[in-house]
Amino acid sequence: MQRVLTTALVALAVCVGAGACGGKTEAEFGTADQQAIRQVTTTLETAFNAKDIEKILSLYTDNSTFMPPNKPLLRGRGPLKSFYDGLLNGGSKDLKITQADTAGHGPLAYQSGSYTMMNGTVPDRGKYLFVFRNMGGNWKIEYTSWSSDLPPQ
């Protein structure tokens, strides 16, 4: 009888110990997350067309990585601000983002799609990929990569 009780206690201890080692469960990526990310992209489009650089920057993480076409990689808000200043003051306008796919897991998500815009007097079109990070309940763009479907001018 004592042997059965000892075996049962050991089994219980193993189960409790294994459960304790499981760690914190990540929140599921759900419909609300997907909608929040889609809203960030819509806000980006609106802020771009309004030439609201401060609003644009608020959508990015402080350490964001930005990979524009035919330009060097940019890291952080300072270079990102300079890039958007040049882009918007250079006549870029009429950005239209078509969101295609949004998915994620835990605190990371991605979105891909296509865009059109006027780059000065020249129309441009292409595709993009955003990687988002959930920062305290707010989805922010951490990585941006886009490429034009048109040859460089």
N, C-alpha and C. Protein backbone atom coordinates (compact mmCIF):
# COMPACT_ATOMS: atom_id res chain seq x y z
N MET A 1 0.82 -1.18 0.00
CA MET A 1 0.00 0.00 0.00
C MET A 1 0.87 1.26 0.00
N GLN A 2 1.93 1.22 0.84
CA GLN A 2 2.81 2.38 0.91
C GLN A 2 3.52 2.59 -0.43
N ARG A 3 3.83 1.48 -1.10
CA ARG A 3 4.50 1.58 -2.40
C ARG A 3 3.58 2.23 -3.42
N VAL A 4 2.30 1.91 -3.42
CA VAL A 4 1.33 2.51 -4.34
C VAL A 4 1.19 4.00 -4.05
N LEU A 5 1.14 4.36 -2.76
CA LEU A 5 1.03 5.77 -2.37
C LEU A 5 2.28 6.55 -2.79
N THR A 6 3.45 5.97 -2.61
CA THR A 6 4.70 6.61 -2.99
C THR A 6 4.74 6.81 -4.51
N THR A 7 4.36 5.80 -5.26
CA THR A 7 4.33 5.90 -6.72
C THR A 7 3.36 6.99 -7.17
N ALA A 8 2.20 7.07 -6.54
CA ALA A 8 1.22 8.08 -6.89
C ALA A 8 1.75 9.49 -6.59
N LEU A 9 2.41 9.66 -5.46
CA LEU A 9 2.97 10.97 -5.10
C LEU A 9 4.09 11.38 -6.05
N VAL A 10 4.94 10.43 -6.45
CA VAL A 10 6.00 10.73 -7.41
C VAL A 10 5.38 11.13 -8.75
N ALA A 11 4.38 10.41 -9.20
CA ALA A 11 3.71 10.74 -10.47
C ALA A 11 3.08 12.12 -10.40
N LEU A 12 2.45 12.45 -9.29
CA LEU A 12 1.84 13.77 -9.11
C LEU A 12 2.92 14.86 -9.15
N ALA A 13 4.03 14.64 -8.47
CA ALA A 13 5.12 15.62 -8.44
C ALA A 13 5.68 15.84 -9.85
N VAL A 14 5.83 14.76 -10.62
CA VAL A 14 6.34 14.88 -11.98
C VAL A 14 5.37 15.70 -12.84
N CYS A 15 4.08 15.43 -12.72
CA CYS A 15 3.08 16.16 -13.51
C CYS A 15 3.06 17.64 -13.14
N VAL A 16 3.09 17.96 -11.86
CA VAL A 16 3.09 19.35 -11.41
C VAL A 16 4.37 20.04 -11.87
N GLY A 17 5.49 19.38 -11.73
CA GLY A 17 6.76 19.96 -12.16
C GLY A 17 6.80 20.21 -13.65
N ALA A 18 6.32 19.28 -14.42
CA ALA A 18 6.30 19.44 -15.87
C ALA A 18 5.38 20.59 -16.27
N GLY A 19 4.26 20.71 -15.60
CA GLY A 19 3.33 21.80 -15.89
C GLY A 19 3.92 23.15 -15.54
N ALA A 20 4.67 23.22 -14.48
CA ALA A 20 5.30 24.48 -14.06
C ALA A 20 6.39 24.90 -15.02
N CYS A 21 7.03 23.96 -15.69
CA CYS A 21 8.10 24.27 -16.63
C CYS A 21 7.56 24.72 -17.98
N GLY A 22 6.27 24.62 -18.18
CA GLY A 22 5.68 24.95 -19.47
C GLY A 22 5.79 26.41 -19.83
N GLY A 23 5.95 27.29 -18.89
CA GLY A 23 6.10 28.71 -19.16
C GLY A 23 4.77 29.38 -19.46
N LYS A 24 4.86 30.66 -19.73
CA LYS A 24 3.69 31.48 -20.01
C LYS A 24 3.14 31.17 -21.40
N THR A 25 1.85 31.07 -21.50
CA THR A 25 1.21 30.81 -22.79
C THR A 25 1.04 32.13 -23.53
N GLU A 26 1.45 32.17 -24.80
CA GLU A 26 1.29 33.37 -25.61
C GLU A 26 -0.17 33.53 -26.00
N ALA A 27 -0.58 34.79 -26.09
CA ALA A 27 -1.94 35.07 -26.54
C ALA A 27 -2.08 34.67 -28.00
N GLU A 28 -3.22 34.15 -28.35
CA GLU A 28 -3.47 33.77 -29.73
C GLU A 28 -3.61 35.01 -30.61
N PHE A 29 -3.20 34.90 -31.85
CA PHE A 29 -3.38 35.96 -32.83
C PHE A 29 -4.79 35.80 -33.38
N GLY A 30 -5.63 36.78 -33.12
CA GLY A 30 -7.04 36.65 -33.49
C GLY A 30 -7.52 37.73 -34.45
N THR A 31 -8.82 37.75 -34.62
CA THR A 31 -9.46 38.69 -35.53
C THR A 31 -9.21 40.13 -35.11
N ALA A 32 -9.22 40.40 -33.80
CA ALA A 32 -8.98 41.77 -33.32
C ALA A 32 -7.57 42.22 -33.68
N ASP A 33 -6.59 41.32 -33.58
CA ASP A 33 -5.22 41.66 -33.97
C ASP A 33 -5.14 41.95 -35.46
N GLN A 34 -5.77 41.11 -36.24
CA GLN A 34 -5.77 41.30 -37.69
C GLN A 34 -6.40 42.64 -38.07
N GLN A 35 -7.50 42.98 -37.43
CA GLN A 35 -8.16 44.26 -37.70
C GLN A 35 -7.29 45.44 -37.27
N ALA A 36 -6.61 45.31 -36.13
CA ALA A 36 -5.73 46.38 -35.65
C ALA A 36 -4.59 46.62 -36.62
N ILE A 37 -4.02 45.56 -37.15
CA ILE A 37 -2.93 45.68 -38.11
C ILE A 37 -3.43 46.31 -39.42
N ARG A 38 -4.57 45.90 -39.87
CA ARG A 38 -5.15 46.49 -41.08
C ARG A 38 -5.39 47.99 -40.87
N GLN A 39 -5.79 48.37 -39.66
CA GLN A 39 -6.01 49.79 -39.36
C GLN A 39 -4.70 50.57 -39.38
N VAL A 40 -3.61 49.97 -38.88
CA VAL A 40 -2.30 50.63 -38.93
C VAL A 40 -1.94 50.94 -40.39
N THR A 41 -2.15 49.99 -41.27
CA THR A 41 -1.81 50.18 -42.68
C THR A 41 -2.69 51.26 -43.31
N THR A 42 -3.96 51.28 -42.97
CA THR A 42 -4.86 52.31 -43.47
C THR A 42 -4.43 53.68 -42.95
N THR A 43 -4.03 53.74 -41.68
CA THR A 43 -3.55 55.00 -41.10
C THR A 43 -2.27 55.46 -41.79
N LEU A 44 -1.40 54.53 -42.13
CA LEU A 44 -0.17 54.87 -42.86
C LEU A 44 -0.51 55.51 -44.20
N GLU A 45 -1.43 54.91 -44.92
CA GLU A 45 -1.85 55.45 -46.22
C GLU A 45 -2.42 56.86 -46.06
N THR A 46 -3.29 57.06 -45.09
CA THR A 46 -3.91 58.37 -44.85
C THR A 46 -2.86 59.41 -44.45
N ALA A 47 -1.96 59.05 -43.54
CA ALA A 47 -0.92 59.98 -43.08
C ALA A 47 0.04 60.34 -44.21
N PHE A 48 0.39 59.37 -45.05
CA PHE A 48 1.26 59.62 -46.20
C PHE A 48 0.61 60.65 -47.12
N ASN A 49 -0.64 60.43 -47.45
CA ASN A 49 -1.33 61.32 -48.37
C ASN A 49 -1.58 62.71 -47.77
N ALA A 50 -1.59 62.80 -46.45
CA ALA A 50 -1.72 64.10 -45.76
C ALA A 50 -0.35 64.72 -45.49
N LYS A 51 0.73 64.02 -45.86
CA LYS A 51 2.11 64.46 -45.61
C LYS A 51 2.36 64.69 -44.12
N ASP A 52 1.76 63.83 -43.28
CA ASP A 52 1.88 63.91 -41.82
C ASP A 52 2.99 62.97 -41.35
N ILE A 53 4.22 63.46 -41.42
CA ILE A 53 5.39 62.62 -41.12
C ILE A 53 5.39 62.16 -39.67
N GLU A 54 4.99 63.00 -38.75
CA GLU A 54 4.96 62.61 -37.33
C GLU A 54 3.99 61.45 -37.10
N LYS A 55 2.86 61.47 -37.77
CA LYS A 55 1.89 60.38 -37.65
C LYS A 55 2.48 59.10 -38.26
N ILE A 56 3.13 59.24 -39.39
CA ILE A 56 3.77 58.08 -40.03
C ILE A 56 4.78 57.46 -39.06
N LEU A 57 5.64 58.27 -38.49
CA LEU A 57 6.68 57.77 -37.58
C LEU A 57 6.08 57.10 -36.35
N SER A 58 4.92 57.56 -35.89
CA SER A 58 4.29 56.96 -34.70
C SER A 58 3.83 55.53 -34.95
N LEU A 59 3.75 55.12 -36.21
CA LEU A 59 3.31 53.78 -36.56
C LEU A 59 4.44 52.75 -36.53
N TYR A 60 5.69 53.24 -36.40
CA TYR A 60 6.88 52.39 -36.44
C TYR A 60 7.47 52.21 -35.05
N THR A 61 8.15 51.08 -34.83
CA THR A 61 8.91 50.89 -33.59
C THR A 61 10.11 51.83 -33.62
N ASP A 62 10.67 52.11 -32.45
CA ASP A 62 11.83 53.00 -32.37
C ASP A 62 13.03 52.45 -33.13
N ASN A 63 13.16 51.14 -33.18
CA ASN A 63 14.32 50.50 -33.82
C ASN A 63 13.95 49.85 -35.15
N SER A 64 12.99 50.43 -35.84
CA SER A 64 12.50 49.82 -37.08
C SER A 64 13.61 49.70 -38.13
N THR A 65 13.44 48.72 -38.98
CA THR A 65 14.34 48.51 -40.12
C THR A 65 13.52 48.73 -41.38
N PHE A 66 14.04 49.56 -42.26
CA PHE A 66 13.31 50.01 -43.43
C PHE A 66 14.13 49.71 -44.66
N MET A 67 13.56 48.99 -45.62
CA MET A 67 14.29 48.58 -46.82
C MET A 67 13.56 49.08 -48.07
N PRO A 68 13.81 50.35 -48.45
CA PRO A 68 13.15 50.89 -49.65
C PRO A 68 13.86 50.43 -50.91
N PRO A 69 13.19 50.51 -52.04
CA PRO A 69 13.83 50.09 -53.29
C PRO A 69 14.94 51.06 -53.69
N ASN A 70 16.03 50.50 -54.20
CA ASN A 70 17.14 51.28 -54.77
C ASN A 70 17.76 52.26 -53.79
N LYS A 71 17.68 51.95 -52.50
CA LYS A 71 18.25 52.81 -51.44
C LYS A 71 18.91 51.92 -50.40
N PRO A 72 19.82 52.48 -49.59
CA PRO A 72 20.42 51.69 -48.50
C PRO A 72 19.40 51.40 -47.41
N LEU A 73 19.68 50.40 -46.63
CA LEU A 73 18.86 50.02 -45.49
C LEU A 73 18.87 51.15 -44.46
N LEU A 74 17.73 51.41 -43.83
CA LEU A 74 17.60 52.45 -42.81
C LEU A 74 17.21 51.80 -41.49
N ARG A 75 17.80 52.29 -40.39
CA ARG A 75 17.45 51.78 -39.05
C ARG A 75 17.12 52.94 -38.14
N GLY A 76 15.98 52.86 -37.47
CA GLY A 76 15.61 53.85 -36.47
C GLY A 76 14.81 55.01 -37.04
N ARG A 77 14.28 55.81 -36.11
CA ARG A 77 13.38 56.91 -36.49
C ARG A 77 14.08 58.06 -37.21
N GLY A 78 15.31 58.40 -36.85
CA GLY A 78 16.00 59.51 -37.50
C GLY A 78 16.13 59.31 -39.00
N PRO A 79 16.75 58.22 -39.43
CA PRO A 79 16.84 57.96 -40.88
C PRO A 79 15.47 57.81 -41.55
N LEU A 80 14.51 57.23 -40.82
CA LEU A 80 13.17 57.06 -41.38
C LEU A 80 12.51 58.43 -41.61
N LYS A 81 12.69 59.32 -40.65
CA LYS A 81 12.14 60.68 -40.80
C LYS A 81 12.77 61.38 -42.00
N SER A 82 14.09 61.29 -42.14
CA SER A 82 14.77 61.91 -43.28
C SER A 82 14.27 61.33 -44.60
N PHE A 83 14.07 60.02 -44.63
CA PHE A 83 13.59 59.37 -45.85
C PHE A 83 12.20 59.89 -46.23
N TYR A 84 11.27 59.88 -45.27
CA TYR A 84 9.92 60.35 -45.56
C TYR A 84 9.90 61.83 -45.90
N ASP A 85 10.73 62.64 -45.23
CA ASP A 85 10.84 64.07 -45.58
C ASP A 85 11.20 64.20 -47.06
N GLY A 86 12.23 63.49 -47.49
CA GLY A 86 12.66 63.56 -48.88
C GLY A 86 11.62 63.06 -49.85
N LEU A 87 10.97 61.97 -49.49
CA LEU A 87 9.97 61.36 -50.36
C LEU A 87 8.77 62.30 -50.55
N LEU A 88 8.23 62.78 -49.43
CA LEU A 88 7.03 63.60 -49.50
C LEU A 88 7.31 65.01 -50.01
N ASN A 89 8.44 65.58 -49.63
CA ASN A 89 8.78 66.91 -50.14
C ASN A 89 9.26 66.85 -51.59
N GLY A 90 9.58 65.64 -52.07
CA GLY A 90 9.98 65.45 -53.46
C GLY A 90 8.81 65.22 -54.39
N GLY A 91 7.60 65.30 -53.86
CA GLY A 91 6.42 65.21 -54.71
C GLY A 91 5.70 63.87 -54.71
N SER A 92 6.13 62.92 -53.89
CA SER A 92 5.40 61.64 -53.84
C SER A 92 4.04 61.87 -53.20
N LYS A 93 3.01 61.23 -53.77
CA LYS A 93 1.64 61.45 -53.29
C LYS A 93 0.73 60.33 -53.80
N ASP A 94 -0.51 60.41 -53.40
CA ASP A 94 -1.56 59.51 -53.88
C ASP A 94 -1.25 58.04 -53.63
N LEU A 95 -0.72 57.74 -52.44
CA LEU A 95 -0.44 56.35 -52.08
C LEU A 95 -1.74 55.59 -51.91
N LYS A 96 -1.81 54.44 -52.52
CA LYS A 96 -2.94 53.53 -52.36
C LYS A 96 -2.35 52.16 -52.02
N ILE A 97 -2.67 51.66 -50.82
CA ILE A 97 -2.17 50.36 -50.37
C ILE A 97 -3.30 49.35 -50.48
N THR A 98 -3.04 48.26 -51.15
CA THR A 98 -4.01 47.16 -51.26
C THR A 98 -3.49 46.01 -50.40
N GLN A 99 -4.14 45.81 -49.27
CA GLN A 99 -3.72 44.77 -48.33
C GLN A 99 -4.19 43.41 -48.84
N ALA A 100 -3.26 42.45 -48.89
CA ALA A 100 -3.60 41.13 -49.42
C ALA A 100 -3.66 40.07 -48.32
N ASP A 101 -2.62 39.98 -47.49
CA ASP A 101 -2.54 38.89 -46.53
C ASP A 101 -2.03 39.44 -45.20
N THR A 102 -2.72 39.11 -44.12
CA THR A 102 -2.31 39.51 -42.78
C THR A 102 -2.41 38.28 -41.89
N ALA A 103 -1.33 37.93 -41.20
CA ALA A 103 -1.33 36.77 -40.32
C ALA A 103 -0.27 36.98 -39.24
N GLY A 104 -0.36 36.18 -38.19
CA GLY A 104 0.62 36.32 -37.13
C GLY A 104 0.55 35.21 -36.12
N HIS A 105 1.45 35.31 -35.14
CA HIS A 105 1.49 34.36 -34.03
C HIS A 105 2.14 35.08 -32.86
N GLY A 106 1.46 35.08 -31.73
CA GLY A 106 2.01 35.74 -30.56
C GLY A 106 2.21 37.22 -30.83
N PRO A 107 3.38 37.78 -30.50
CA PRO A 107 3.60 39.22 -30.65
C PRO A 107 4.10 39.65 -32.03
N LEU A 108 4.21 38.72 -32.98
CA LEU A 108 4.68 39.05 -34.32
C LEU A 108 3.62 38.77 -35.37
N ALA A 109 3.59 39.61 -36.38
CA ALA A 109 2.65 39.42 -37.48
C ALA A 109 3.27 39.99 -38.75
N TYR A 110 2.70 39.62 -39.88
CA TYR A 110 3.16 40.18 -41.14
C TYR A 110 1.96 40.56 -41.98
N GLN A 111 2.22 41.44 -42.91
CA GLN A 111 1.20 41.80 -43.89
C GLN A 111 1.90 42.02 -45.22
N SER A 112 1.29 41.53 -46.27
CA SER A 112 1.82 41.75 -47.60
C SER A 112 0.71 42.30 -48.48
N GLY A 113 1.12 42.92 -49.58
CA GLY A 113 0.14 43.47 -50.49
C GLY A 113 0.82 44.22 -51.61
N SER A 114 0.09 45.14 -52.20
CA SER A 114 0.62 45.93 -53.30
C SER A 114 0.31 47.41 -53.06
N TYR A 115 0.96 48.25 -53.83
CA TYR A 115 0.75 49.68 -53.70
C TYR A 115 0.82 50.35 -55.07
N THR A 116 0.24 51.52 -55.13
CA THR A 116 0.44 52.45 -56.24
C THR A 116 0.64 53.82 -55.63
N MET A 117 1.39 54.68 -56.31
CA MET A 117 1.54 56.07 -55.89
C MET A 117 2.15 56.86 -57.04
N MET A 118 2.07 58.16 -56.89
CA MET A 118 2.76 59.05 -57.81
C MET A 118 4.09 59.41 -57.17
N ASN A 119 5.16 59.19 -57.90
CA ASN A 119 6.50 59.53 -57.42
C ASN A 119 6.92 60.76 -58.21
N GLY A 120 6.53 61.94 -57.70
CA GLY A 120 6.67 63.16 -58.48
C GLY A 120 5.62 63.15 -59.57
N THR A 121 6.05 63.14 -60.80
CA THR A 121 5.11 63.09 -61.93
C THR A 121 5.06 61.69 -62.56
N VAL A 122 5.77 60.75 -61.95
CA VAL A 122 5.87 59.40 -62.51
C VAL A 122 5.04 58.43 -61.67
N PRO A 123 4.14 57.69 -62.28
CA PRO A 123 3.39 56.68 -61.52
C PRO A 123 4.29 55.50 -61.13
N ASP A 124 4.03 54.94 -59.96
CA ASP A 124 4.80 53.79 -59.48
C ASP A 124 3.80 52.75 -58.97
N ARG A 125 4.20 51.50 -59.07
CA ARG A 125 3.40 50.41 -58.51
C ARG A 125 4.36 49.30 -58.09
N GLY A 126 3.95 48.53 -57.09
CA GLY A 126 4.80 47.45 -56.64
C GLY A 126 4.18 46.66 -55.51
N LYS A 127 5.03 46.01 -54.71
CA LYS A 127 4.55 45.18 -53.61
C LYS A 127 5.33 45.52 -52.34
N TYR A 128 4.75 45.10 -51.19
CA TYR A 128 5.38 45.42 -49.91
C TYR A 128 5.22 44.25 -48.94
N LEU A 129 6.05 44.30 -47.90
CA LEU A 129 5.94 43.37 -46.79
C LEU A 129 6.24 44.14 -45.51
N PHE A 130 5.30 44.11 -44.57
CA PHE A 130 5.49 44.69 -43.25
C PHE A 130 5.59 43.56 -42.24
N VAL A 131 6.47 43.70 -41.27
CA VAL A 131 6.49 42.82 -40.10
C VAL A 131 6.13 43.70 -38.91
N PHE A 132 5.12 43.29 -38.17
CA PHE A 132 4.61 44.05 -37.04
C PHE A 132 5.01 43.38 -35.73
N ARG A 133 5.15 44.19 -34.69
CA ARG A 133 5.39 43.69 -33.33
C ARG A 133 4.35 44.33 -32.42
N ASN A 134 3.75 43.49 -31.56
CA ASN A 134 2.80 43.99 -30.57
C ASN A 134 3.59 44.55 -29.40
N MET A 135 3.48 45.85 -29.20
CA MET A 135 4.23 46.54 -28.15
C MET A 135 3.23 47.08 -27.13
N GLY A 136 3.04 46.32 -26.06
CA GLY A 136 2.12 46.76 -25.01
C GLY A 136 0.68 46.91 -25.49
N GLY A 137 0.26 46.05 -26.38
CA GLY A 137 -1.12 46.10 -26.88
C GLY A 137 -1.29 46.92 -28.15
N ASN A 138 -0.22 47.54 -28.65
CA ASN A 138 -0.27 48.33 -29.89
C ASN A 138 0.62 47.67 -30.94
N TRP A 139 0.04 47.42 -32.09
CA TRP A 139 0.81 46.85 -33.20
C TRP A 139 1.58 47.96 -33.89
N LYS A 140 2.90 47.78 -34.01
CA LYS A 140 3.78 48.75 -34.65
C LYS A 140 4.55 48.05 -35.77
N ILE A 141 4.90 48.82 -36.79
CA ILE A 141 5.68 48.27 -37.90
C ILE A 141 7.14 48.20 -37.47
N GLU A 142 7.72 47.00 -37.53
CA GLU A 142 9.11 46.83 -37.14
C GLU A 142 10.04 46.69 -38.36
N TYR A 143 9.55 46.05 -39.40
CA TYR A 143 10.33 45.88 -40.63
C TYR A 143 9.44 46.26 -41.81
N THR A 144 10.03 46.98 -42.75
CA THR A 144 9.34 47.36 -43.98
C THR A 144 10.24 47.03 -45.16
N SER A 145 9.69 46.36 -46.13
CA SER A 145 10.39 46.13 -47.38
C SER A 145 9.40 46.32 -48.51
N TRP A 146 9.80 47.08 -49.51
CA TRP A 146 8.96 47.19 -50.67
C TRP A 146 9.80 47.29 -51.91
N SER A 147 9.19 46.90 -53.02
CA SER A 147 9.90 47.00 -54.29
C SER A 147 8.93 47.37 -55.38
N SER A 148 9.42 48.18 -56.28
CA SER A 148 8.64 48.63 -57.41
C SER A 148 8.60 47.54 -58.47
N ASP A 149 7.50 47.47 -59.19
CA ASP A 149 7.40 46.58 -60.32
C ASP A 149 8.01 47.21 -61.58
N LEU A 150 8.36 48.50 -61.49
CA LEU A 150 8.89 49.23 -62.63
C LEU A 150 10.41 49.33 -62.53
N PRO A 151 11.11 49.44 -63.66
CA PRO A 151 12.57 49.58 -63.61
C PRO A 151 12.95 50.93 -62.98
N PRO A 152 14.14 51.00 -62.35
CA PRO A 152 14.58 52.28 -61.78
C PRO A 152 14.69 53.35 -62.86
N GLN A 153 14.42 54.58 -62.47
CA GLN A 153 14.47 55.69 -63.45
C GLN A 153 15.88 56.20 -63.60
